[in-house]
PDB file of N, CA and C in Angstrom:
ATOM      1  N   MET A   1      12.120 -15.738   4.839  1.00  0.00           N
ATOM      2  CA  MET A   1      13.093 -16.804   4.765  1.00  0.00           C
ATOM      3  C   MET A   1      13.688 -16.819   3.352  1.00  0.00           C
ATOM      4  N   ALA A   2      14.969 -16.708   3.270  1.00  0.00           N
ATOM      5  CA  ALA A   2      15.663 -16.685   1.977  1.00  0.00           C
ATOM      6  C   ALA A   2      15.833 -18.106   1.435  1.00  0.00           C
ATOM      7  N   ILE A   3      15.728 -18.207   0.143  1.00  0.00           N
ATOM      8  CA  ILE A   3      15.900 -19.497  -0.529  1.00  0.00           C
ATOM      9  C   ILE A   3      17.369 -19.664  -0.884  1.00  0.00           C
ATOM     10  N   THR A   4      17.906 -20.837  -0.607  1.00  0.00           N
ATOM     11  CA  THR A   4      19.298 -21.104  -0.950  1.00  0.00           C
ATOM     12  C   THR A   4      19.386 -21.594  -2.392  1.00  0.00           C
ATOM     13  N   LEU A   5      20.585 -21.556  -2.931  1.00  0.00           N
ATOM     14  CA  LEU A   5      20.810 -22.048  -4.287  1.00  0.00           C
ATOM     15  C   LEU A   5      20.430 -23.520  -4.388  1.00  0.00           C
ATOM     16  N   GLU A   6      20.777 -24.300  -3.385  1.00  0.00           N
ATOM     17  CA  GLU A   6      20.471 -25.729  -3.404  1.00  0.00           C
ATOM     18  C   GLU A   6      18.963 -25.969  -3.415  1.00  0.00           C
ATOM     19  N   GLU A   7      18.216 -25.187  -2.636  1.00  0.00           N
ATOM     20  CA  GLU A   7      16.762 -25.328  -2.621  1.00  0.00           C
ATOM     21  C   GLU A   7      16.164 -24.961  -3.979  1.00  0.00           C
ATOM     22  N   ALA A   8      16.667 -23.899  -4.573  1.00  0.00           N
ATOM     23  CA  ALA A   8      16.179 -23.469  -5.886  1.00  0.00           C
ATOM     24  C   ALA A   8      16.477 -24.535  -6.941  1.00  0.00           C
ATOM     25  N   GLN A   9      17.673 -25.112  -6.898  1.00  0.00           N
ATOM     26  CA  GLN A   9      18.028 -26.165  -7.853  1.00  0.00           C
ATOM     27  C   GLN A   9      17.143 -27.396  -7.666  1.00  0.00           C
ATOM     28  N   GLU A  10      16.840 -27.734  -6.425  1.00  0.00           N
ATOM     29  CA  GLU A  10      15.976 -28.881  -6.141  1.00  0.00           C
ATOM     30  C   GLU A  10      14.556 -28.622  -6.650  1.00  0.00           C
ATOM     31  N   ASN A  11      14.043 -27.416  -6.418  1.00  0.00           N
ATOM     32  CA  ASN A  11      12.707 -27.075  -6.919  1.00  0.00           C
ATOM     33  C   ASN A  11      12.669 -27.126  -8.440  1.00  0.00           C
ATOM     34  N   LEU A  12      13.706 -26.636  -9.089  1.00  0.00           N
ATOM     35  CA  LEU A  12      13.778 -26.694 -10.545  1.00  0.00           C
ATOM     36  C   LEU A  12      13.773 -28.147 -11.015  1.00  0.00           C
ATOM     37  N   ARG A  13      14.552 -28.992 -10.358  1.00  0.00           N
ATOM     38  CA  ARG A  13      14.606 -30.412 -10.714  1.00  0.00           C
ATOM     39  C   ARG A  13      13.225 -31.056 -10.578  1.00  0.00           C
ATOM     40  N   ILE A  14      12.508 -30.745  -9.509  1.00  0.00           N
ATOM     41  CA  ILE A  14      11.173 -31.304  -9.273  1.00  0.00           C
ATOM     42  C   ILE A  14      10.202 -30.882 -10.376  1.00  0.00           C
ATOM     43  N   TRP A  15      10.234 -29.597 -10.749  1.00  0.00           N
ATOM     44  CA  TRP A  15       9.326 -29.110 -11.792  1.00  0.00           C
ATOM     45  C   TRP A  15       9.674 -29.698 -13.155  1.00  0.00           C
ATOM     46  N   LEU A  16      10.959 -29.912 -13.416  1.00  0.00           N
ATOM     47  CA  LEU A  16      11.346 -30.541 -14.678  1.00  0.00           C
ATOM     48  C   LEU A  16      10.854 -31.988 -14.738  1.00  0.00           C
ATOM     49  N   GLU A  17      10.930 -32.689 -13.608  1.00  0.00           N
ATOM     50  CA  GLU A  17      10.412 -34.059 -13.545  1.00  0.00           C
ATOM     51  C   GLU A  17       8.897 -34.069 -13.735  1.00  0.00           C
ATOM     52  N   ALA A  18       8.221 -33.094 -13.140  1.00  0.00           N
ATOM     53  CA  ALA A  18       6.768 -32.995 -13.292  1.00  0.00           C
ATOM     54  C   ALA A  18       6.398 -32.774 -14.754  1.00  0.00           C
ATOM     55  N   GLU A  19       7.166 -31.931 -15.433  1.00  0.00           N
ATOM     56  CA  GLU A  19       6.904 -31.674 -16.849  1.00  0.00           C
ATOM     57  C   GLU A  19       7.029 -32.960 -17.666  1.00  0.00           C
ATOM     58  N   ARG A  20       8.064 -33.749 -17.373  1.00  0.00           N
ATOM     59  CA  ARG A  20       8.252 -35.014 -18.082  1.00  0.00           C
ATOM     60  C   ARG A  20       7.083 -35.966 -17.836  1.00  0.00           C
ATOM     61  N   ALA A  21       6.661 -36.048 -16.584  1.00  0.00           N
ATOM     62  CA  ALA A  21       5.556 -36.948 -16.236  1.00  0.00           C
ATOM     63  C   ALA A  21       4.264 -36.520 -16.919  1.00  0.00           C
ATOM     64  N   ILE A  22       4.018 -35.226 -16.954  1.00  0.00           N
ATOM     65  CA  ILE A  22       2.800 -34.717 -17.587  1.00  0.00           C
ATOM     66  C   ILE A  22       2.848 -34.942 -19.090  1.00  0.00           C
ATOM     67  N   ALA A  23       4.009 -34.721 -19.680  1.00  0.00           N
ATOM     68  CA  ALA A  23       4.150 -34.878 -21.132  1.00  0.00           C
ATOM     69  C   ALA A  23       3.866 -36.314 -21.567  1.00  0.00           C
ATOM     70  N   ASN A  24       4.186 -37.269 -20.716  1.00  0.00           N
ATOM     71  CA  ASN A  24       3.956 -38.674 -21.057  1.00  0.00           C
ATOM     72  C   ASN A  24       2.492 -39.074 -20.984  1.00  0.00           C
ATOM     73  N   ALA A  25       1.759 -38.498 -20.058  1.00  0.00           N
ATOM     74  CA  ALA A  25       0.344 -38.862 -19.901  1.00  0.00           C
ATOM     75  C   ALA A  25      -0.403 -37.719 -19.228  1.00  0.00           C
ATOM     76  N   GLN A  26      -0.620 -36.634 -19.967  1.00  0.00           N
ATOM     77  CA  GLN A  26      -1.273 -35.467 -19.378  1.00  0.00           C
ATOM     78  C   GLN A  26      -2.756 -35.708 -19.135  1.00  0.00           C
ATOM     79  N   SER A  27      -3.419 -36.364 -20.073  1.00  0.00           N
ATOM     80  CA  SER A  27      -4.849 -36.606 -19.888  1.00  0.00           C
ATOM     81  C   SER A  27      -5.266 -37.884 -20.614  1.00  0.00           C
ATOM     82  N   TYR A  28      -6.396 -38.387 -20.199  1.00  0.00           N
ATOM     83  CA  TYR A  28      -6.941 -39.549 -20.885  1.00  0.00           C
ATOM     84  C   TYR A  28      -8.457 -39.554 -20.744  1.00  0.00           C
ATOM     85  N   THR A  29      -9.101 -40.324 -21.597  1.00  0.00           N
ATOM     86  CA  THR A  29     -10.560 -40.397 -21.601  1.00  0.00           C
ATOM     87  C   THR A  29     -10.986 -41.859 -21.586  1.00  0.00           C
ATOM     88  N   ILE A  30     -11.957 -42.153 -20.732  1.00  0.00           N
ATOM     89  CA  ILE A  30     -12.569 -43.478 -20.681  1.00  0.00           C
ATOM     90  C   ILE A  30     -14.068 -43.259 -20.817  1.00  0.00           C
ATOM     91  N   SER A  31     -14.620 -43.855 -21.830  1.00  0.00           N
ATOM     92  CA  SER A  31     -16.040 -43.689 -22.125  1.00  0.00           C
ATOM     93  C   SER A  31     -16.329 -42.203 -22.308  1.00  0.00           C
ATOM     94  N   ASN A  32     -17.195 -41.631 -21.474  1.00  0.00           N
ATOM     95  CA  ASN A  32     -17.492 -40.210 -21.612  1.00  0.00           C
ATOM     96  C   ASN A  32     -16.837 -39.370 -20.514  1.00  0.00           C
ATOM     97  N   ARG A  33     -15.921 -39.960 -19.775  1.00  0.00           N
ATOM     98  CA  ARG A  33     -15.227 -39.244 -18.704  1.00  0.00           C
ATOM     99  C   ARG A  33     -13.784 -38.979 -19.109  1.00  0.00           C
ATOM    100  N   SER A  34     -13.293 -37.810 -18.724  1.00  0.00           N
ATOM    101  CA  SER A  34     -11.885 -37.507 -19.015  1.00  0.00           C
ATOM    102  C   SER A  34     -11.212 -36.954 -17.770  1.00  0.00           C
ATOM    103  N   LEU A  35      -9.910 -37.141 -17.701  1.00  0.00           N
ATOM    104  CA  LEU A  35      -9.114 -36.670 -16.577  1.00  0.00           C
ATOM    105  C   LEU A  35      -7.882 -35.959 -17.117  1.00  0.00           C
ATOM    106  N   THR A  36      -7.655 -34.756 -16.630  1.00  0.00           N
ATOM    107  CA  THR A  36      -6.449 -34.009 -16.974  1.00  0.00           C
ATOM    108  C   THR A  36      -5.637 -33.853 -15.701  1.00  0.00           C
ATOM    109  N   LYS A  37      -4.388 -34.288 -15.741  1.00  0.00           N
ATOM    110  CA  LYS A  37      -3.553 -34.286 -14.545  1.00  0.00           C
ATOM    111  C   LYS A  37      -3.088 -32.894 -14.145  1.00  0.00           C
ATOM    112  N   ALA A  38      -2.621 -32.109 -15.092  1.00  0.00           N
ATOM    113  CA  ALA A  38      -2.099 -30.786 -14.756  1.00  0.00           C
ATOM    114  C   ALA A  38      -2.061 -29.920 -16.000  1.00  0.00           C
ATOM    115  N   ASN A  39      -1.952 -28.630 -15.764  1.00  0.00           N
ATOM    116  CA  ASN A  39      -1.866 -27.667 -16.847  1.00  0.00           C
ATOM    117  C   ASN A  39      -0.395 -27.476 -17.200  1.00  0.00           C
ATOM    118  N   LEU A  40       0.001 -27.939 -18.363  1.00  0.00           N
ATOM    119  CA  LEU A  40       1.404 -27.898 -18.768  1.00  0.00           C
ATOM    120  C   LEU A  40       1.944 -26.475 -18.864  1.00  0.00           C
ATOM    121  N   SER A  41       1.101 -25.517 -19.236  1.00  0.00           N
ATOM    122  CA  SER A  41       1.580 -24.133 -19.336  1.00  0.00           C
ATOM    123  C   SER A  41       1.917 -23.565 -17.959  1.00  0.00           C
ATOM    124  N   GLU A  42       1.177 -23.958 -16.932  1.00  0.00           N
ATOM    125  CA  GLU A  42       1.494 -23.506 -15.570  1.00  0.00           C
ATOM    126  C   GLU A  42       2.812 -24.115 -15.096  1.00  0.00           C
ATOM    127  N   VAL A  43       3.033 -25.362 -15.441  1.00  0.00           N
ATOM    128  CA  VAL A  43       4.297 -26.014 -15.078  1.00  0.00           C
ATOM    129  C   VAL A  43       5.458 -25.304 -15.773  1.00  0.00           C
ATOM    130  N   ALA A  44       5.266 -24.931 -17.032  1.00  0.00           N
ATOM    131  CA  ALA A  44       6.310 -24.213 -17.776  1.00  0.00           C
ATOM    132  C   ALA A  44       6.627 -22.869 -17.120  1.00  0.00           C
ATOM    133  N   LYS A  45       5.610 -22.196 -16.602  1.00  0.00           N
ATOM    134  CA  LYS A  45       5.833 -20.920 -15.897  1.00  0.00           C
ATOM    135  C   LYS A  45       6.669 -21.135 -14.641  1.00  0.00           C
ATOM    136  N   ARG A  46       6.382 -22.193 -13.912  1.00  0.00           N
ATOM    137  CA  ARG A  46       7.145 -22.487 -12.683  1.00  0.00           C
ATOM    138  C   ARG A  46       8.591 -22.859 -13.024  1.00  0.00           C
ATOM    139  N   ILE A  47       8.785 -23.585 -14.112  1.00  0.00           N
ATOM    140  CA  ILE A  47      10.144 -23.930 -14.540  1.00  0.00           C
ATOM    141  C   ILE A  47      10.912 -22.660 -14.864  1.00  0.00           C
ATOM    142  N   ALA A  48      10.294 -21.747 -15.598  1.00  0.00           N
ATOM    143  CA  ALA A  48      10.953 -20.478 -15.942  1.00  0.00           C
ATOM    144  C   ALA A  48      11.289 -19.690 -14.681  1.00  0.00           C
ATOM    145  N   TYR A  49      10.368 -19.681 -13.713  1.00  0.00           N
ATOM    146  CA  TYR A  49      10.617 -18.978 -12.449  1.00  0.00           C
ATOM    147  C   TYR A  49      11.843 -19.550 -11.742  1.00  0.00           C
ATOM    148  N   TRP A  50      11.900 -20.876 -11.617  1.00  0.00           N
ATOM    149  CA  TRP A  50      13.007 -21.497 -10.893  1.00  0.00           C
ATOM    150  C   TRP A  50      14.321 -21.409 -11.667  1.00  0.00           C
ATOM    151  N   GLU A  51      14.262 -21.428 -12.996  1.00  0.00           N
ATOM    152  CA  GLU A  51      15.487 -21.222 -13.777  1.00  0.00           C
ATOM    153  C   GLU A  51      16.051 -19.828 -13.510  1.00  0.00           C
ATOM    154  N   ASN A  52      15.176 -18.832 -13.490  1.00  0.00           N
ATOM    155  CA  ASN A  52      15.617 -17.465 -13.199  1.00  0.00           C
ATOM    156  C   ASN A  52      16.161 -17.345 -11.786  1.00  0.00           C
ATOM    157  N   LYS A  53      15.508 -17.997 -10.837  1.00  0.00           N
ATOM    158  CA  LYS A  53      15.944 -17.942  -9.439  1.00  0.00           C
ATOM    159  C   LYS A  53      17.313 -18.596  -9.281  1.00  0.00           C
ATOM    160  N   VAL A  54      17.524 -19.742  -9.931  1.00  0.00           N
ATOM    161  CA  VAL A  54      18.827 -20.418  -9.866  1.00  0.00           C
ATOM    162  C   VAL A  54      19.911 -19.515 -10.448  1.00  0.00           C
ATOM    163  N   THR A  55      19.645 -18.916 -11.598  1.00  0.00           N
ATOM    164  CA  THR A  55      20.620 -18.016 -12.230  1.00  0.00           C
ATOM    165  C   THR A  55      20.928 -16.840 -11.324  1.00  0.00           C
ATOM    166  N   GLU A  56      19.892 -16.255 -10.741  1.00  0.00           N
ATOM    167  CA  GLU A  56      20.065 -15.114  -9.838  1.00  0.00           C
ATOM    168  C   GLU A  56      20.940 -15.485  -8.644  1.00  0.00           C
ATOM    169  N   LEU A  57      20.660 -16.624  -8.033  1.00  0.00           N
ATOM    170  CA  LEU A  57      21.426 -17.052  -6.863  1.00  0.00           C
ATOM    171  C   LEU A  57      22.860 -17.425  -7.230  1.00  0.00           C
ATOM    172  N   GLU A  58      23.055 -18.035  -8.403  1.00  0.00           N
ATOM    173  CA  GLU A  58      24.416 -18.360  -8.848  1.00  0.00           C
ATOM    174  C   GLU A  58      25.232 -17.085  -9.045  1.00  0.00           C
ATOM    175  N   MET A  59      24.618 -16.081  -9.640  1.00  0.00           N
ATOM    176  CA  MET A  59      25.330 -14.824  -9.876  1.00  0.00           C
ATOM    177  C   MET A  59      25.604 -14.099  -8.564  1.00  0.00           C
ATOM    178  N   THR A  60      24.656 -14.162  -7.637  1.00  0.00           N
ATOM    179  CA  THR A  60      24.849 -13.539  -6.329  1.00  0.00           C
ATOM    180  C   THR A  60      26.008 -14.209  -5.603  1.00  0.00           C
ATOM    181  N   ASN A  61      26.088 -15.529  -5.691  1.00  0.00           N
ATOM    182  CA  ASN A  61      27.181 -16.260  -5.044  1.00  0.00           C
ATOM    183  C   ASN A  61      28.532 -15.926  -5.662  1.00  0.00           C
ATOM    184  N   LYS A  62      28.527 -15.516  -6.939  1.00  0.00           N
ATOM    185  CA  LYS A  62      29.774 -15.136  -7.607  1.00  0.00           C
ATOM    186  C   LYS A  62      30.083 -13.656  -7.410  1.00  0.00           C
ATOM    187  N   GLY A  63      29.218 -12.955  -6.687  1.00  0.00           N
ATOM    188  CA  GLY A  63      29.439 -11.537  -6.438  1.00  0.00           C
ATOM    189  C   GLY A  63      28.984 -10.641  -7.569  1.00  0.00           C
ATOM    190  N   LYS A  64      28.155 -11.159  -8.444  1.00  0.00           N
ATOM    191  CA  LYS A  64      27.649 -10.373  -9.571  1.00  0.00           C
ATOM    192  C   LYS A  64      26.169 -10.105  -9.357  1.00  0.00           C
ATOM    193  N   ARG A  65      25.694  -9.077 -10.019  1.00  0.00           N
ATOM    194  CA  ARG A  65      24.273  -8.767  -9.966  1.00  0.00           C
ATOM    195  C   ARG A  65      23.658  -9.052 -11.323  1.00  0.00           C
ATOM    196  N   MET A  66      22.405  -9.433 -11.304  1.00  0.00           N
ATOM    197  CA  MET A  66      21.703  -9.668 -12.561  1.00  0.00           C
ATOM    198  C   MET A  66      21.453  -8.331 -13.242  1.00  0.00           C
ATOM    199  N   ARG A  67      21.581  -8.324 -14.542  1.00  0.00           N
ATOM    200  CA  ARG A  67      21.288  -7.120 -15.304  1.00  0.00           C
ATOM    201  C   ARG A  67      19.786  -6.980 -15.459  1.00  0.00           C
ATOM    202  N   ARG A  68      19.344  -5.802 -15.201  1.00  0.00           N
ATOM    203  CA  ARG A  68      17.925  -5.514 -15.393  1.00  0.00           C
ATOM    204  C   ARG A  68      17.824  -4.470 -16.482  1.00  0.00           C
ATOM    205  N   THR A  69      17.054  -4.754 -17.469  1.00  0.00           N
ATOM    206  CA  THR A  69      16.921  -3.819 -18.579  1.00  0.00           C
ATOM    207  C   THR A  69      15.515  -3.254 -18.615  1.00  0.00           C
ATOM    208  N   LYS A  70      15.438  -2.046 -19.100  1.00  0.00           N
ATOM    209  CA  LYS A  70      14.150  -1.392 -19.269  1.00  0.00           C
ATOM    210  C   LYS A  70      14.116  -0.793 -20.651  1.00  0.00           C
ATOM    211  N   GLN A  71      12.959  -0.771 -21.210  1.00  0.00           N
ATOM    212  CA  GLN A  71      12.796  -0.159 -22.515  1.00  0.00           C
ATOM    213  C   GLN A  71      12.152   1.207 -22.330  1.00  0.00           C
ATOM    214  N   PHE A  72      12.550   2.134 -23.167  1.00  0.00           N
ATOM    215  CA  PHE A  72      11.929   3.449 -23.116  1.00  0.00           C
ATOM    216  C   PHE A  72      11.866   4.017 -24.521  1.00  0.00           C
ATOM    217  N   ILE A  73      10.994   4.970 -24.677  1.00  0.00           N
ATOM    218  CA  ILE A  73      10.829   5.630 -25.969  1.00  0.00           C
ATOM    219  C   ILE A  73      11.246   7.086 -25.799  1.00  0.00           C
ATOM    220  N   PRO A  74      12.313   7.507 -26.486  1.00  0.00           N
ATOM    221  CA  PRO A  74      12.722   8.910 -26.371  1.00  0.00           C
ATOM    222  C   PRO A  74      11.695   9.806 -27.062  1.00  0.00           C
ATOM    223  N   ARG A  75      11.430  10.940 -26.465  1.00  0.00           N
ATOM    224  CA  ARG A  75      10.461  11.884 -27.029  1.00  0.00           C
ATOM    225  C   ARG A  75      11.054  13.280 -27.039  1.00  0.00           C
ATOM    226  N   ASP A  76      10.717  14.007 -28.060  1.00  0.00           N
ATOM    227  CA  ASP A  76      11.112  15.413 -28.116  1.00  0.00           C
ATOM    228  C   ASP A  76      10.128  16.214 -27.281  1.00  0.00           C
ATOM    229  N   CYS A  77      10.656  17.135 -26.518  1.00  0.00           N
ATOM    230  CA  CYS A  77       9.767  17.970 -25.689  1.00  0.00           C
ATOM    231  C   CYS A  77       9.391  19.243 -26.386  1.00  0.00           C
TER     232      CYS A  77
END
């Protein structure tokens, strides 16, 4: 099942909201017990994924392809 641009944008919006919520109160401690709501680095990875997906779908809708680059090291034979 292919993801539409609108779905990708909605997922990105949800993850950005999650990041804001976590940043405000990621964890707390009462007495000797602590609670951590979520791993902020994992949320950041999901945000990066959805940002890339939105960009990819926007470019596809415009008839363009994303540039893919590769690095290589030239060697003398």
